[in-house]
N, C-alpha and C. Protein backbone atom coordinates (compact mmCIF):
# COMPACT_ATOMS: atom_id res chain seq x y z
N MET A 1 22.59 -12.63 -17.96
CA MET A 1 23.31 -11.87 -17.14
C MET A 1 22.47 -10.39 -17.54
N ILE A 2 22.48 -10.22 -18.62
CA ILE A 2 21.68 -8.85 -19.12
C ILE A 2 20.60 -8.66 -18.50
N GLU A 3 19.54 -9.74 -18.63
CA GLU A 3 18.23 -9.65 -18.03
C GLU A 3 18.41 -9.41 -16.61
N ASN A 4 19.27 -9.83 -16.03
CA ASN A 4 19.43 -9.57 -14.52
C ASN A 4 19.42 -7.90 -14.25
N LEU A 5 20.36 -7.29 -15.08
CA LEU A 5 20.07 -5.75 -14.95
C LEU A 5 18.76 -5.24 -14.74
N PHE A 6 18.09 -5.77 -15.51
CA PHE A 6 16.67 -5.06 -15.61
C PHE A 6 15.23 -5.51 -14.57
N GLN A 7 15.88 -6.86 -14.07
CA GLN A 7 14.88 -7.10 -12.86
C GLN A 7 15.08 -6.41 -11.58
N LYS A 8 16.47 -5.46 -11.30
CA LYS A 8 16.66 -5.08 -10.34
C LYS A 8 15.43 -3.47 -9.90
N SER A 9 14.79 -3.32 -10.97
CA SER A 9 13.80 -1.96 -10.72
C SER A 9 12.54 -2.64 -11.04
N LYS A 10 12.16 -3.80 -10.97
CA LYS A 10 11.02 -4.56 -11.23
C LYS A 10 10.04 -4.15 -10.16
N PRO A 11 8.62 -3.55 -9.93
CA PRO A 11 8.05 -3.41 -9.06
C PRO A 11 7.13 -4.43 -8.59
N THR A 12 7.33 -4.56 -7.16
CA THR A 12 6.84 -5.72 -6.27
C THR A 12 5.20 -5.15 -6.08
N PHE A 13 4.46 -6.17 -5.87
CA PHE A 13 3.08 -5.99 -5.29
C PHE A 13 3.13 -6.08 -4.20
N ILE A 14 2.33 -5.14 -3.43
CA ILE A 14 1.85 -4.85 -1.76
C ILE A 14 0.75 -5.85 -1.70
N SER A 15 0.82 -6.64 -0.61
CA SER A 15 -0.56 -7.24 -0.23
C SER A 15 -0.71 -6.89 1.15
N ILE A 16 -1.80 -7.31 1.83
CA ILE A 16 -2.20 -7.19 3.09
C ILE A 16 -2.65 -8.23 3.49
N GLN A 17 -1.74 -8.59 5.00
CA GLN A 17 -2.01 -9.89 5.80
C GLN A 17 -2.29 -9.06 7.01
N GLY A 18 -3.48 -9.38 7.46
CA GLY A 18 -3.89 -8.92 9.04
C GLY A 18 -3.81 -7.52 9.10
N GLU A 19 -2.80 -6.81 9.91
CA GLU A 19 -2.62 -5.48 10.27
C GLU A 19 -1.51 -5.04 9.41
N ASN A 20 -0.72 -5.83 8.53
CA ASN A 20 0.51 -5.72 8.08
C ASN A 20 0.53 -5.48 6.64
N PHE A 21 1.07 -4.71 6.06
CA PHE A 21 1.56 -4.74 4.42
C PHE A 21 2.81 -5.98 4.15
N VAL A 22 2.60 -6.49 3.33
CA VAL A 22 3.60 -7.39 2.73
C VAL A 22 4.32 -7.09 1.32
N ILE A 23 5.54 -6.81 1.38
CA ILE A 23 6.55 -6.27 0.32
C ILE A 23 7.56 -7.31 0.24
N GLY A 24 7.07 -8.10 -0.79
CA GLY A 24 8.31 -9.09 -0.78
C GLY A 24 8.19 -10.15 0.26
N GLU A 25 9.44 -10.37 0.87
CA GLU A 25 9.42 -10.83 2.17
C GLU A 25 9.35 -10.28 3.35
N LYS A 26 9.05 -9.03 3.32
CA LYS A 26 8.98 -8.09 4.58
C LYS A 26 7.69 -7.75 4.96
N LYS A 27 7.44 -7.83 6.10
CA LYS A 27 5.98 -7.18 6.63
C LYS A 27 6.42 -5.94 7.45
N VAL A 28 5.30 -4.97 7.20
CA VAL A 28 5.65 -3.68 7.72
C VAL A 28 4.15 -3.23 8.34
N GLN A 29 4.06 -2.25 9.30
CA GLN A 29 2.81 -1.79 9.61
C GLN A 29 2.37 -0.47 8.93
N VAL A 30 3.52 0.28 8.19
CA VAL A 30 3.31 1.51 7.80
C VAL A 30 4.44 1.59 6.45
N ILE A 31 3.90 2.17 5.41
CA ILE A 31 4.77 2.55 4.11
C ILE A 31 5.14 3.93 4.25
N ASP A 32 6.17 4.43 4.39
CA ASP A 32 6.39 5.62 3.75
C ASP A 32 6.90 5.63 2.34
N GLY A 33 6.52 6.76 1.73
CA GLY A 33 6.66 6.73 0.14
C GLY A 33 6.14 7.52 -0.35
N PHE A 34 6.40 7.47 -1.72
CA PHE A 34 5.71 9.10 -2.87
C PHE A 34 4.90 8.15 -3.90
N ILE A 35 3.74 8.58 -3.91
CA ILE A 35 2.91 8.05 -5.00
C ILE A 35 3.11 8.61 -6.32
N HIS A 36 3.66 8.08 -7.20
CA HIS A 36 4.33 8.42 -8.57
C HIS A 36 3.18 8.49 -9.55
N ASP A 37 1.96 7.45 -9.60
CA ASP A 37 1.15 7.24 -10.72
C ASP A 37 -0.22 6.66 -9.83
N LEU A 38 -1.26 6.67 -10.45
CA LEU A 38 -2.43 5.78 -10.25
C LEU A 38 -2.90 5.48 -11.52
N GLN A 39 -3.93 4.14 -11.26
CA GLN A 39 -4.49 3.76 -12.39
C GLN A 39 -5.69 3.01 -12.08
N PRO A 40 -6.83 3.53 -12.66
CA PRO A 40 -8.22 2.71 -12.27
C PRO A 40 -8.20 1.27 -13.16
N LEU A 41 -8.82 0.37 -12.19
CA LEU A 41 -8.60 -0.99 -12.47
C LEU A 41 -10.31 -1.59 -12.26
N ARG A 42 -10.60 -2.54 -13.04
CA ARG A 42 -11.80 -3.29 -12.66
C ARG A 42 -11.23 -4.78 -12.67
N LYS A 43 -11.89 -5.42 -11.69
CA LYS A 43 -11.30 -6.89 -11.74
C LYS A 43 -12.64 -7.56 -11.46
N PHE A 44 -12.97 -8.95 -12.04
CA PHE A 44 -14.14 -9.55 -11.89
C PHE A 44 -13.50 -10.84 -11.43
N PHE A 45 -13.95 -11.45 -10.27
CA PHE A 45 -13.52 -12.58 -9.61
C PHE A 45 -14.76 -13.71 -9.50
N PHE A 46 -14.66 -14.92 -9.98
CA PHE A 46 -15.82 -15.84 -9.92
C PHE A 46 -15.03 -17.05 -9.10
N THR A 47 -15.64 -17.51 -8.28
CA THR A 47 -15.36 -18.77 -7.34
C THR A 47 -13.77 -18.61 -7.04
N GLY A 48 -13.34 -17.31 -6.88
CA GLY A 48 -12.17 -17.04 -6.62
C GLY A 48 -10.93 -16.65 -7.72
N LYS A 49 -11.31 -17.10 -8.77
CA LYS A 49 -10.49 -16.95 -10.38
C LYS A 49 -10.94 -15.64 -10.69
N LEU A 50 -9.87 -15.13 -11.11
CA LEU A 50 -9.82 -13.82 -11.93
C LEU A 50 -9.98 -14.05 -13.26
N LEU A 51 -11.64 -13.66 -13.82
CA LEU A 51 -11.83 -14.25 -14.98
C LEU A 51 -11.92 -12.97 -15.99
N CYS A 52 -11.79 -11.61 -15.58
CA CYS A 52 -11.40 -10.75 -16.66
C CYS A 52 -11.13 -9.36 -15.69
N TYR A 53 -10.36 -8.55 -16.18
CA TYR A 53 -9.89 -7.17 -15.81
C TYR A 53 -9.76 -6.06 -16.79
N SER A 54 -9.72 -5.02 -16.28
CA SER A 54 -9.64 -3.96 -17.21
C SER A 54 -8.62 -2.85 -16.54
N TYR A 55 -7.63 -2.64 -17.51
CA TYR A 55 -6.63 -1.71 -17.02
C TYR A 55 -7.01 -0.45 -17.20
N ASP A 56 -7.98 0.06 -17.64
CA ASP A 56 -8.48 1.45 -18.07
C ASP A 56 -9.89 1.78 -17.86
N ASP A 57 -10.38 0.60 -17.11
CA ASP A 57 -11.87 1.10 -16.88
C ASP A 57 -12.61 1.22 -17.55
N THR A 58 -12.48 0.87 -19.06
CA THR A 58 -13.09 1.01 -20.37
C THR A 58 -13.44 -0.29 -21.08
N THR A 59 -12.59 -1.10 -21.17
CA THR A 59 -12.34 -2.37 -21.88
C THR A 59 -11.77 -3.32 -21.21
N GLY A 60 -12.61 -4.61 -21.08
CA GLY A 60 -11.73 -5.86 -20.59
C GLY A 60 -10.83 -6.41 -21.46
N LYS A 61 -10.30 -7.47 -20.73
CA LYS A 61 -9.17 -8.51 -21.47
C LYS A 61 -9.26 -8.86 -22.86
N ASP A 62 -10.57 -8.98 -23.04
CA ASP A 62 -11.05 -9.72 -24.38
C ASP A 62 -11.49 -8.43 -25.53
N GLY A 63 -11.49 -7.31 -24.82
CA GLY A 63 -11.73 -6.07 -25.51
C GLY A 63 -13.31 -5.64 -25.86
N LYS A 64 -13.96 -6.19 -24.62
CA LYS A 64 -15.73 -6.01 -24.51
C LYS A 64 -15.42 -4.66 -23.61
N TYR A 65 -16.51 -3.96 -24.36
CA TYR A 65 -16.64 -2.72 -23.44
C TYR A 65 -17.08 -2.82 -21.99
N CYS A 66 -16.39 -2.25 -20.97
CA CYS A 66 -17.04 -2.82 -19.60
C CYS A 66 -18.70 -2.03 -19.45
N ALA A 67 -18.79 -0.93 -20.38
CA ALA A 67 -20.27 -0.34 -20.18
C ALA A 67 -21.25 -1.39 -20.60
N PHE A 68 -20.85 -2.26 -21.46
CA PHE A 68 -21.66 -3.08 -21.99
C PHE A 68 -21.82 -4.74 -21.39
N CYS A 69 -20.97 -4.77 -20.41
CA CYS A 69 -20.54 -6.14 -20.05
C CYS A 69 -21.91 -6.45 -18.85
N ARG A 70 -22.33 -7.70 -18.81
CA ARG A 70 -23.42 -8.12 -18.13
C ARG A 70 -22.77 -8.42 -16.76
N ASN A 71 -21.48 -8.49 -16.31
CA ASN A 71 -21.01 -8.65 -15.04
C ASN A 71 -20.40 -7.35 -14.45
N GLN A 72 -20.82 -6.27 -15.27
CA GLN A 72 -20.00 -4.92 -14.66
C GLN A 72 -20.24 -4.77 -13.50
N PHE A 73 -21.38 -5.20 -12.97
CA PHE A 73 -21.90 -4.61 -11.61
C PHE A 73 -21.49 -5.69 -10.66
N ARG A 74 -20.52 -6.67 -10.97
CA ARG A 74 -19.85 -7.71 -10.11
C ARG A 74 -18.35 -7.21 -9.93
N CYS A 75 -17.93 -6.35 -11.12
CA CYS A 75 -16.55 -6.01 -10.86
C CYS A 75 -16.13 -5.22 -9.44
N GLN A 76 -15.05 -5.49 -9.14
CA GLN A 76 -14.21 -4.80 -7.97
C GLN A 76 -13.70 -3.91 -8.67
N LYS A 77 -14.20 -2.46 -8.07
CA LYS A 77 -13.57 -1.38 -8.64
C LYS A 77 -11.89 -1.05 -7.68
N ARG A 78 -11.04 -0.91 -8.20
CA ARG A 78 -9.80 -0.52 -7.59
C ARG A 78 -9.17 0.51 -7.92
N ILE A 79 -8.15 1.23 -7.55
CA ILE A 79 -6.96 2.00 -8.01
C ILE A 79 -5.59 1.26 -7.72
N ARG A 80 -4.93 1.18 -8.61
CA ARG A 80 -3.48 0.80 -8.23
C ARG A 80 -2.87 2.09 -8.16
N LEU A 81 -2.01 1.97 -7.01
CA LEU A 81 -0.92 3.40 -6.70
C LEU A 81 0.19 2.82 -6.99
N MET A 82 0.98 3.43 -8.00
CA MET A 82 2.42 3.19 -7.97
C MET A 82 3.05 3.97 -6.98
N ILE A 83 3.68 3.30 -6.10
CA ILE A 83 4.52 3.96 -5.06
C ILE A 83 6.04 3.70 -4.86
N LEU A 84 6.72 4.62 -4.71
CA LEU A 84 8.24 4.52 -4.50
C LEU A 84 8.36 4.66 -2.98
N VAL A 85 8.51 3.15 -2.36
CA VAL A 85 8.67 3.03 -0.97
C VAL A 85 10.00 3.21 -0.33
N ILE A 86 10.13 4.09 0.31
CA ILE A 86 11.66 4.24 1.21
C ILE A 86 11.84 3.58 2.55
N ASN A 87 11.29 2.97 3.03
CA ASN A 87 11.19 2.61 4.42
C ASN A 87 11.51 1.15 4.53
N LEU A 88 12.01 0.50 3.43
CA LEU A 88 12.49 -0.86 3.51
C LEU A 88 13.91 -1.14 3.39
N GLU A 89 14.59 -0.52 2.37
CA GLU A 89 15.72 -0.75 2.15
C GLU A 89 16.55 0.31 2.04
N LYS A 90 17.91 0.34 1.83
CA LYS A 90 18.50 1.72 1.72
C LYS A 90 18.06 2.47 0.38
N GLU A 91 18.01 1.58 -0.57
CA GLU A 91 17.46 2.36 -2.17
C GLU A 91 15.84 2.24 -1.75
N PRO A 92 15.26 3.34 -2.54
CA PRO A 92 13.93 3.12 -2.67
C PRO A 92 13.15 2.16 -3.62
N GLN A 93 11.97 1.61 -3.38
CA GLN A 93 11.66 0.36 -3.93
C GLN A 93 10.39 0.80 -4.77
N PRO A 94 10.24 0.39 -6.04
CA PRO A 94 9.11 0.56 -6.54
C PRO A 94 8.16 -0.74 -6.38
N ALA A 95 6.92 -0.03 -5.93
CA ALA A 95 5.93 -1.19 -5.64
C ALA A 95 4.61 -0.61 -6.30
N PHE A 96 3.49 -1.85 -6.18
CA PHE A 96 2.20 -1.51 -6.86
C PHE A 96 1.33 -1.57 -5.43
N LEU A 97 0.20 -0.84 -5.10
CA LEU A 97 -0.56 -1.23 -3.89
C LEU A 97 -2.17 -0.66 -4.83
N GLU A 98 -2.68 -1.94 -4.73
CA GLU A 98 -4.29 -1.83 -4.98
C GLU A 98 -5.24 -1.52 -3.99
N ILE A 99 -6.01 -0.25 -4.17
CA ILE A 99 -6.96 -0.17 -3.02
C ILE A 99 -8.31 -0.47 -3.47
N ASN A 100 -9.17 -0.81 -2.47
CA ASN A 100 -10.53 -1.03 -2.85
C ASN A 100 -11.40 -0.02 -2.50
N GLN A 101 -12.65 -0.12 -2.79
CA GLN A 101 -13.65 1.11 -2.71
C GLN A 101 -13.90 1.46 -1.42
N PHE A 102 -13.40 0.60 -0.49
CA PHE A 102 -13.70 1.17 1.08
C PHE A 102 -12.59 1.92 1.45
N SER A 103 -11.56 2.02 0.70
CA SER A 103 -10.38 3.04 0.96
C SER A 103 -10.47 4.49 -0.12
N PHE A 104 -11.35 4.30 -0.87
CA PHE A 104 -11.47 5.53 -1.88
C PHE A 104 -11.54 6.88 -1.51
N GLU A 105 -12.80 6.63 -0.30
CA GLU A 105 -12.77 7.98 0.58
C GLU A 105 -11.71 8.88 0.98
N ASN A 106 -10.97 7.72 1.80
CA ASN A 106 -9.40 8.27 2.56
C ASN A 106 -8.82 8.78 1.37
N PHE A 107 -8.63 8.20 0.17
CA PHE A 107 -7.71 8.43 -0.89
C PHE A 107 -8.14 10.16 -1.46
N GLU A 108 -9.60 10.23 -1.82
CA GLU A 108 -10.22 11.12 -2.04
C GLU A 108 -9.76 12.60 -1.21
N GLN A 109 -9.85 12.03 0.12
CA GLN A 109 -9.28 12.94 1.03
C GLN A 109 -8.00 13.85 1.06
N LEU A 110 -7.33 12.63 0.65
CA LEU A 110 -5.81 13.22 0.58
C LEU A 110 -5.41 14.13 -0.85
N ILE A 111 -6.02 13.64 -1.84
CA ILE A 111 -5.68 14.56 -2.85
C ILE A 111 -6.84 15.55 -3.34
N SER A 112 -7.67 15.96 -2.24
CA SER A 112 -8.32 17.11 -2.07
C SER A 112 -7.34 18.25 -1.53
N GLN A 113 -6.37 17.66 -0.70
CA GLN A 113 -5.54 18.56 -0.02
C GLN A 113 -4.03 18.91 -0.63
N ILE A 114 -4.05 18.60 -1.77
CA ILE A 114 -2.91 18.41 -2.65
C ILE A 114 -3.03 18.46 -3.94
N ASP A 115 -2.37 19.59 -4.68
CA ASP A 115 -2.51 19.58 -6.22
C ASP A 115 -2.02 18.30 -6.45
N PRO A 116 -2.67 17.48 -7.58
CA PRO A 116 -2.27 16.06 -7.92
C PRO A 116 -0.77 15.99 -8.46
N LYS A 117 -0.52 17.26 -9.29
CA LYS A 117 0.90 16.98 -9.96
C LYS A 117 2.04 16.99 -8.86
N ASP A 118 1.71 17.70 -7.43
CA ASP A 118 2.58 17.54 -6.52
C ASP A 118 2.66 16.45 -5.73
N LEU A 119 1.79 15.32 -6.03
CA LEU A 119 1.65 13.98 -5.33
C LEU A 119 2.90 13.15 -5.45
N PRO A 120 3.64 13.07 -6.66
CA PRO A 120 4.92 12.44 -6.54
C PRO A 120 6.29 13.13 -5.66
N ASN A 121 6.02 14.32 -5.37
CA ASN A 121 6.95 14.83 -4.61
C ASN A 121 6.65 14.92 -3.06
N THR A 122 5.41 14.52 -2.54
CA THR A 122 4.99 14.45 -1.41
C THR A 122 5.03 13.14 -0.58
N LEU A 123 5.66 13.11 0.42
CA LEU A 123 6.22 11.95 1.09
C LEU A 123 4.92 11.78 2.08
N LEU A 124 4.53 10.64 2.04
CA LEU A 124 2.97 10.05 2.63
C LEU A 124 3.48 8.77 3.55
N ARG A 125 2.60 8.51 4.47
CA ARG A 125 2.72 7.59 5.22
C ARG A 125 1.32 6.96 5.11
N ILE A 126 1.26 5.58 4.82
CA ILE A 126 0.26 4.83 4.49
C ILE A 126 0.10 3.72 5.49
N LYS A 127 -0.96 3.49 6.11
CA LYS A 127 -1.08 2.61 6.86
C LYS A 127 -2.69 1.75 6.76
N ILE A 128 -2.80 0.64 7.62
CA ILE A 128 -3.97 -0.20 7.58
C ILE A 128 -4.96 0.41 8.77
N VAL A 129 -6.01 0.77 8.72
CA VAL A 129 -6.93 1.25 9.99
C VAL A 129 -8.35 0.41 9.69
N ASN A 130 -9.08 0.08 10.81
CA ASN A 130 -10.47 -0.16 10.62
C ASN A 130 -11.28 1.05 10.48
N ASP A 131 -12.44 1.03 9.77
CA ASP A 131 -13.45 1.98 9.56
C ASP A 131 -14.70 1.82 10.51
N HIS A 132 -15.39 2.82 10.61
CA HIS A 132 -16.57 2.65 11.55
C HIS A 132 -17.46 1.34 11.33
N LYS A 133 -17.00 0.52 10.29
CA LYS A 133 -18.18 -0.64 9.88
C LYS A 133 -17.11 -1.98 10.47
N ASP A 134 -15.98 -1.29 11.00
CA ASP A 134 -14.69 -2.65 11.09
C ASP A 134 -14.23 -3.13 10.08
N ARG A 135 -14.41 -2.54 8.86
CA ARG A 135 -13.40 -2.77 7.51
C ARG A 135 -12.08 -2.33 7.77
N LYS A 136 -11.17 -3.33 7.27
CA LYS A 136 -9.83 -2.85 6.66
C LYS A 136 -10.18 -1.84 5.72
N VAL A 137 -9.25 -0.72 5.90
CA VAL A 137 -9.38 0.46 4.77
C VAL A 137 -7.68 1.21 4.77
N ILE A 138 -7.28 1.73 3.94
CA ILE A 138 -6.13 2.20 3.80
C ILE A 138 -5.93 3.66 4.15
N GLU A 139 -5.36 4.16 4.85
CA GLU A 139 -5.31 5.38 5.38
C GLU A 139 -4.04 6.15 4.88
N PHE A 140 -4.09 7.35 4.43
CA PHE A 140 -3.23 8.20 3.89
C PHE A 140 -2.81 9.36 4.54
N GLN A 141 -1.29 9.81 5.30
CA GLN A 141 -1.20 11.05 6.23
C GLN A 141 0.00 11.76 5.33
N PHE A 142 -0.08 12.89 5.88
CA PHE A 142 1.22 13.59 5.19
C PHE A 142 2.38 13.53 6.35
N THR A 143 3.59 13.39 5.72
CA THR A 143 4.51 13.17 7.03
C THR A 143 5.32 14.58 7.13
């Protein structure tokens, strides 16, 4: 019973399916919310399995320094955005969205227009678009 009290605020991971974001059981084309924090990540996949990861972009799960890792060039660089999603339920929902390198430029444009300390108080609209090379990228807009 007591554990159930703590499960209510557990963040959900946001995935992408086609042109939609998938948050839990819901599919949406846009996310309206506030980015409360971000974290650089590295993930190394081999034949579809996650073999190594780094939550600080410095050391991997086994304690090895990323700078000395032979597979460093194969790692996928990502940024995990911690978002308070407001367009799903009556109550805001905490969620994680990981953006890949194709979306970094769009995120850089966003944070160049705002003081990073104001980001948690700035309502954003986040959506999936195709870039000039027809790759899916995440776009950020002020609302």
